[in-house]
Protein backbone atom coordinates (compact mmCIF):
# COMPACT_ATOMS: atom_id res chain seq x y z
CA UNK A 1 -21.73 55.47 -9.69
CA UNK A 2 -23.60 55.06 -6.43
CA UNK A 3 -22.19 53.11 -3.53
CA UNK A 4 -24.62 50.27 -4.29
CA UNK A 5 -23.60 50.11 -7.93
CA UNK A 6 -19.97 49.51 -7.13
CA UNK A 7 -20.69 46.15 -5.47
CA UNK A 8 -20.29 44.07 -8.69
CA UNK A 9 -16.91 45.72 -9.25
CA UNK A 10 -15.74 44.51 -5.83
CA UNK A 11 -17.04 41.03 -6.58
CA UNK A 12 -14.97 40.89 -9.76
CA UNK A 13 -11.88 42.06 -7.94
CA UNK A 14 -12.17 39.31 -5.30
CA UNK A 15 -13.43 36.58 -7.58
CA UNK A 16 -9.92 35.48 -8.49
CA UNK A 17 -9.24 34.79 -4.80
CA UNK A 18 -12.35 32.65 -4.43
CA UNK A 19 -11.57 30.68 -7.59
CA UNK A 20 -8.02 30.14 -6.31
CA UNK A 21 -9.31 28.86 -2.99
CA UNK A 22 -11.75 26.58 -4.79
CA UNK A 23 -8.97 25.22 -7.00
CA UNK A 24 -6.75 24.58 -3.98
CA UNK A 25 -9.60 22.83 -2.19
CA UNK A 26 -10.21 20.70 -5.26
CA UNK A 27 -6.56 19.70 -5.48
CA UNK A 28 -6.56 18.76 -1.79
CA UNK A 29 -9.65 16.63 -2.32
CA UNK A 30 -8.08 14.89 -5.33
CA UNK A 31 -4.86 14.26 -3.41
CA UNK A 32 -6.69 12.77 -0.42
CA UNK A 33 -8.83 10.61 -2.71
CA UNK A 34 -5.75 9.22 -4.43
CA UNK A 35 -4.03 8.50 -1.11
CA UNK A 36 -7.14 6.65 0.05
CA UNK A 37 -7.44 4.72 -3.20
CA UNK A 38 -3.79 3.72 -3.13
CA UNK A 39 -4.24 2.22 0.34
CA UNK A 40 -7.44 0.35 -0.48
CA UNK A 41 -7.43 -3.44 -0.69
CA UNK A 42 -7.76 -4.87 -4.24
CA UNK A 43 -11.02 -6.32 -5.48
CA UNK A 44 -11.50 -10.07 -5.24
CA UNK A 45 -10.79 -12.07 -8.38
CA UNK A 46 -8.67 -14.88 -9.75
CA UNK A 47 -5.72 -16.03 -7.63
CA UNK A 48 -2.91 -13.50 -7.88
CA UNK A 49 0.73 -14.53 -7.48
CA UNK A 50 3.59 -12.45 -6.12
CA UNK A 51 7.00 -13.09 -4.62
CA UNK A 52 8.23 -13.25 -1.05
CA UNK A 53 11.80 -12.88 0.19
CA UNK A 54 13.44 -15.13 2.77
CA UNK A 55 15.65 -13.01 5.01
CA UNK A 56 17.88 -13.28 8.04
CA UNK A 57 15.53 -13.04 11.07
CA UNK A 58 14.84 -9.49 12.16
CA UNK A 59 16.50 -7.94 9.09
CA UNK A 60 15.80 -7.24 5.43
CA UNK A 61 18.98 -9.03 4.32
CA UNK A 62 18.05 -11.80 1.85
CA UNK A 63 18.93 -15.32 2.95
CA UNK A 64 19.72 -17.66 0.08
CA UNK A 65 20.64 -20.92 1.84
CA UNK A 66 21.10 -22.67 5.15
CA UNK A 67 21.13 -25.85 7.20
CA UNK A 68 17.98 -27.54 8.47
CA UNK A 69 18.29 -25.57 11.72
CA UNK A 70 18.92 -22.17 10.08
CA UNK A 71 16.06 -19.83 10.99
CA UNK A 72 14.65 -17.40 8.44
CA UNK A 73 12.20 -14.54 8.20
CA UNK A 74 9.76 -13.60 5.45
CA UNK A 75 9.33 -10.20 3.77
CA UNK A 76 6.37 -9.50 1.50
CA UNK A 77 6.00 -6.60 -0.95
CA UNK A 78 4.95 -3.31 0.70
CA UNK A 79 1.22 -3.17 1.32
CA UNK A 80 0.60 -6.87 0.59
CA UNK A 81 -3.12 -7.37 1.23
CA UNK A 82 -5.91 -9.89 0.92
CA UNK A 83 -9.00 -8.99 -1.16
CA UNK A 84 -10.90 -8.44 2.10
CA UNK A 85 -10.27 -8.37 5.83
CA UNK A 86 -10.94 -10.98 8.51
CA UNK A 87 -13.41 -8.99 10.58
CA UNK A 88 -15.85 -8.22 7.77
CA UNK A 89 -15.04 -10.57 4.89
CA UNK A 90 -13.63 -13.70 6.53
CA UNK A 91 -10.20 -13.71 4.86
CA UNK A 92 -7.25 -15.23 6.73
CA UNK A 93 -3.52 -15.57 6.15
CA UNK A 94 -1.82 -18.98 5.80
CA UNK A 95 1.52 -20.49 4.86
CA UNK A 96 2.12 -23.35 2.46
CA UNK A 97 4.85 -25.66 1.18
CA UNK A 98 3.98 -27.67 -1.93
CA UNK A 99 6.13 -29.90 -4.19
CA UNK A 100 7.33 -28.83 -7.61
CA UNK A 101 4.51 -28.93 -10.15
CA UNK A 102 1.82 -28.16 -7.58
CA UNK A 103 0.26 -24.78 -6.80
CA UNK A 104 -0.96 -23.32 -3.50
CA UNK A 105 -4.35 -23.07 -5.19
CA UNK A 106 -4.40 -26.89 -5.09
CA UNK A 107 -4.60 -26.66 -1.31
CA UNK A 108 -7.72 -25.98 0.76
CA UNK A 109 -7.41 -24.16 4.08
CA UNK A 110 -11.04 -24.59 5.12
CA UNK A 111 -10.09 -26.33 8.38
CA UNK A 112 -7.39 -23.78 9.25
CA UNK A 113 -4.49 -26.00 8.14
CA UNK A 114 -3.36 -27.19 4.68
CA UNK A 115 -5.48 -30.01 3.27
CA UNK A 116 -2.36 -31.29 1.47
CA UNK A 117 1.38 -31.07 2.01
CA UNK A 118 2.88 -28.66 4.55
CA UNK A 119 3.48 -25.08 5.66
CA UNK A 120 5.83 -22.81 7.56
CA UNK A 121 6.58 -23.38 11.25
CA UNK A 122 6.94 -20.52 13.74
CA UNK A 123 7.13 -20.77 17.53
CA UNK A 124 6.82 -24.54 17.25
CA UNK A 125 3.49 -24.52 15.40
CA UNK A 126 2.06 -24.20 11.91
CA UNK A 127 1.67 -20.59 10.83
CA UNK A 128 -1.87 -20.10 9.54
CA UNK A 129 -5.45 -18.93 10.06
CA UNK A 130 -4.03 -15.55 11.06
CA UNK A 131 -6.15 -12.39 11.01
CA UNK A 132 -5.52 -9.57 8.57
CA UNK A 133 -5.55 -5.89 9.50
CA UNK A 134 -9.11 -4.69 9.97
CA UNK A 135 -10.71 -2.87 7.03
CA UNK A 136 -7.62 -2.86 4.77
CA UNK A 137 -7.01 -6.63 4.71
CA UNK A 138 -3.27 -5.99 4.92
CA UNK A 139 -1.01 -8.85 5.99
CA UNK A 140 0.59 -7.76 9.25
CA UNK A 141 2.59 -9.23 12.10
CA UNK A 142 4.51 -11.96 10.29
CA UNK A 143 6.72 -13.84 12.78
CA UNK A 144 10.32 -12.69 12.94
CA UNK A 145 11.53 -16.28 12.68
CA UNK A 146 10.47 -19.44 10.87
CA UNK A 147 12.12 -22.86 10.89
CA UNK A 148 12.39 -26.02 8.73
CA UNK A 149 13.14 -28.28 11.69
CA UNK A 150 9.79 -30.13 11.45
CA UNK A 151 10.74 -31.47 8.00
CA UNK A 152 12.55 -34.78 7.46
CA UNK A 153 14.22 -36.45 4.46
CA UNK A 154 11.27 -38.85 4.32
CA UNK A 155 8.91 -35.89 3.83
CA UNK A 156 11.07 -34.01 1.37
CA UNK A 157 12.42 -36.73 -0.90
CA UNK A 158 10.85 -39.53 -2.84
CA UNK A 159 12.56 -42.91 -2.74
CA UNK A 160 16.03 -42.65 -4.24
CA UNK A 161 16.02 -38.84 -4.42
CA UNK A 162 18.79 -36.75 -2.96
CA UNK A 163 17.25 -33.37 -3.79
CA UNK A 164 13.78 -32.00 -4.39
CA UNK A 165 12.25 -28.67 -5.38
CA UNK A 166 9.39 -27.20 -3.38
CA UNK A 167 7.41 -23.95 -3.45
CA UNK A 168 6.72 -22.14 -0.19
CA UNK A 169 5.04 -18.93 0.76
CA UNK A 170 2.27 -16.91 2.32
CA UNK A 171 -1.32 -17.01 1.04
CA UNK A 172 -4.71 -15.37 1.52
CA UNK A 173 -7.77 -17.64 1.61
CA UNK A 174 -11.46 -16.75 1.72
CA UNK A 175 -14.20 -18.10 3.97
CA UNK A 176 -14.29 -21.31 1.89
CA UNK A 177 -10.57 -21.91 2.39
CA UNK A 178 -9.80 -21.15 -1.27
CA UNK A 179 -6.55 -19.33 -2.06
CA UNK A 180 -7.08 -15.93 -3.65
CA UNK A 181 -3.57 -14.42 -3.46
CA UNK A 182 -0.15 -15.80 -2.64
CA UNK A 183 3.50 -14.76 -2.41
CA UNK A 184 5.93 -17.50 -3.39
CA UNK A 185 9.56 -18.57 -3.31
CA UNK A 186 11.15 -21.67 -4.84
CA UNK A 187 13.47 -23.81 -2.73
CA UNK A 188 15.71 -26.78 -3.38
CA UNK A 189 16.26 -29.20 -0.47
CA UNK A 190 19.29 -31.47 -0.62
CA UNK A 191 19.98 -34.57 1.47
CA UNK A 192 22.98 -34.20 3.77
CA UNK A 193 23.82 -36.94 6.30
CA UNK A 194 26.08 -34.51 8.17
CA UNK A 195 23.20 -32.15 8.90
CA UNK A 196 21.33 -32.46 12.18
CA UNK A 197 18.03 -33.22 10.42
CA UNK A 198 19.53 -34.76 7.29
CA UNK A 199 19.14 -31.94 4.74
CA UNK A 200 20.14 -28.43 3.69
CA UNK A 201 18.26 -25.87 1.59
CA UNK A 202 18.76 -23.01 -0.84
CA UNK A 203 16.45 -20.48 -2.50
CA UNK A 204 16.54 -20.54 -6.31
CA UNK A 205 13.74 -18.08 -7.01
CA UNK A 206 12.42 -15.29 -4.79
CA UNK A 207 11.63 -11.59 -4.85
CA UNK A 208 13.80 -8.64 -3.89
CA UNK A 209 13.60 -6.47 -0.79
CA UNK A 210 12.33 -2.97 -1.74
CA UNK A 211 15.07 -0.35 -1.64
CA UNK A 212 12.72 2.39 -0.43
CA UNK A 213 11.30 2.19 3.12
CA UNK A 214 8.14 3.98 1.95
CA UNK A 215 5.37 2.51 -0.23
CA UNK A 216 5.17 4.14 -3.66
CA UNK A 217 1.53 5.05 -3.08
CA UNK A 218 2.43 6.98 0.06
CA UNK A 219 5.18 8.92 -1.75
CA UNK A 220 2.78 9.87 -4.57
CA UNK A 221 0.06 10.88 -2.15
CA UNK A 222 2.39 13.09 -0.10
CA UNK A 223 3.62 14.70 -3.33
CA UNK A 224 0.07 15.54 -4.33
CA UNK A 225 -0.62 17.03 -0.91
CA UNK A 226 2.46 19.25 -1.28
CA UNK A 227 1.20 20.46 -4.66
CA UNK A 228 -2.24 21.19 -3.21
CA UNK A 229 -0.71 23.12 -0.31
CA UNK A 230 1.41 25.19 -2.71
CA UNK A 231 -1.67 25.94 -4.81
CA UNK A 232 -3.53 27.11 -1.71
CA UNK A 233 -0.66 29.40 -0.72
CA UNK A 234 -0.56 30.87 -4.22
CA UNK A 235 -4.33 31.47 -4.17
CA UNK A 236 -4.00 33.28 -0.83
CA UNK A 237 -1.25 35.46 -2.27
CA UNK A 238 -3.47 36.40 -5.24
CA UNK A 239 -6.33 37.21 -2.87
CA UNK A 240 -4.17 39.54 -0.84
CA UNK A 241 -2.83 41.21 -3.97
CA UNK A 242 -6.36 41.70 -5.32
CA UNK A 243 -7.38 43.35 -2.09
CA UNK A 244 -4.48 45.77 -2.34
CA UNK A 245 -5.77 47.02 -5.72
CA UNK A 246 -8.87 48.52 -4.04
CA UNK A 247 -7.36 51.93 -3.18
CA UNK A 248 -9.35 54.70 -1.49
CA UNK A 249 -9.09 57.80 -3.73
CA UNK A 250 -10.67 60.13 -1.14
CA UNK A 251 -14.17 59.99 -2.59
CA UNK A 252 -15.24 57.10 -0.36
CA UNK A 253 -15.72 54.92 -3.45
CA UNK A 254 -13.35 51.93 -3.41
CA UNK A 255 -14.75 50.08 -6.37
CA UNK A 256 -14.66 52.51 -9.34
CA UNK A 257 -11.58 52.80 -11.50
CA UNK A 258 -10.37 56.29 -12.66
CA UNK A 259 -11.88 55.62 -16.10
CA UNK A 260 -15.25 54.78 -14.57
CA UNK A 261 -15.23 57.97 -12.52
CA UNK A 262 -14.43 60.13 -15.60
CA UNK A 263 -17.38 58.54 -17.40
CA UNK A 264 -19.84 59.46 -14.61
CA UNK A 265 -22.11 62.50 -15.19
CA UNK A 266 -21.42 65.49 -12.98
CA UNK A 267 -23.72 65.90 -10.04
CA UNK A 268 -26.61 68.39 -10.52
CA UNK A 269 -25.81 71.77 -9.13
CA UNK A 270 -22.04 71.23 -9.08
């Protein structure tokens, strides 16, 4: 064969390397797409309920009861987000406290505070109308410490009651003040004349603190990136091995196999 005719043979030899690189690139693209999708805020829809956890301030240790003056923190599930962000979609984060039988969706937050009942108190003020993270709509920067000290027995209990069940939590509301998502816990308040503010509390229904410090989506995404990287390394290894099969036999022709050379007609005059 002539030097020009051996070009297709070289292409075939190196084609496996190019396909390997293409496959690795595809896997990387898929992995990055999945990581992006896993971190994307959910689409808007009907109100979605989840669970919060009341914890000792500054920790992830669940707090199940306390006096009226006992401070508490709030932990939401990893990646808790609103259907949109504040900057582009007008969503904000609020807190609520509603009596048994009521839902946070019964409350409007159009004015920036609950239209009915109460909410959580942090730093001496109602916690609400707080911005989400830009673009993702994630709920960020919850106060380390909340307090029940603004409540009174007159607020908590109907006439003759010594205990009452309430639902409290964190909610997302749209530009119309309508709740779209919320994370709830159920609390029982009990009258106690010995307490500074006349009551104690306990949590009877709440979520659990995640055991893993990393969101599941992040773990899956990193795993896919590792697979893609391994595929790329394997493709590179194949490419190098393919190159090594092109051996110079002294004729100056790197592309013809021994069988191809035997099949070539002898040169005229040889």
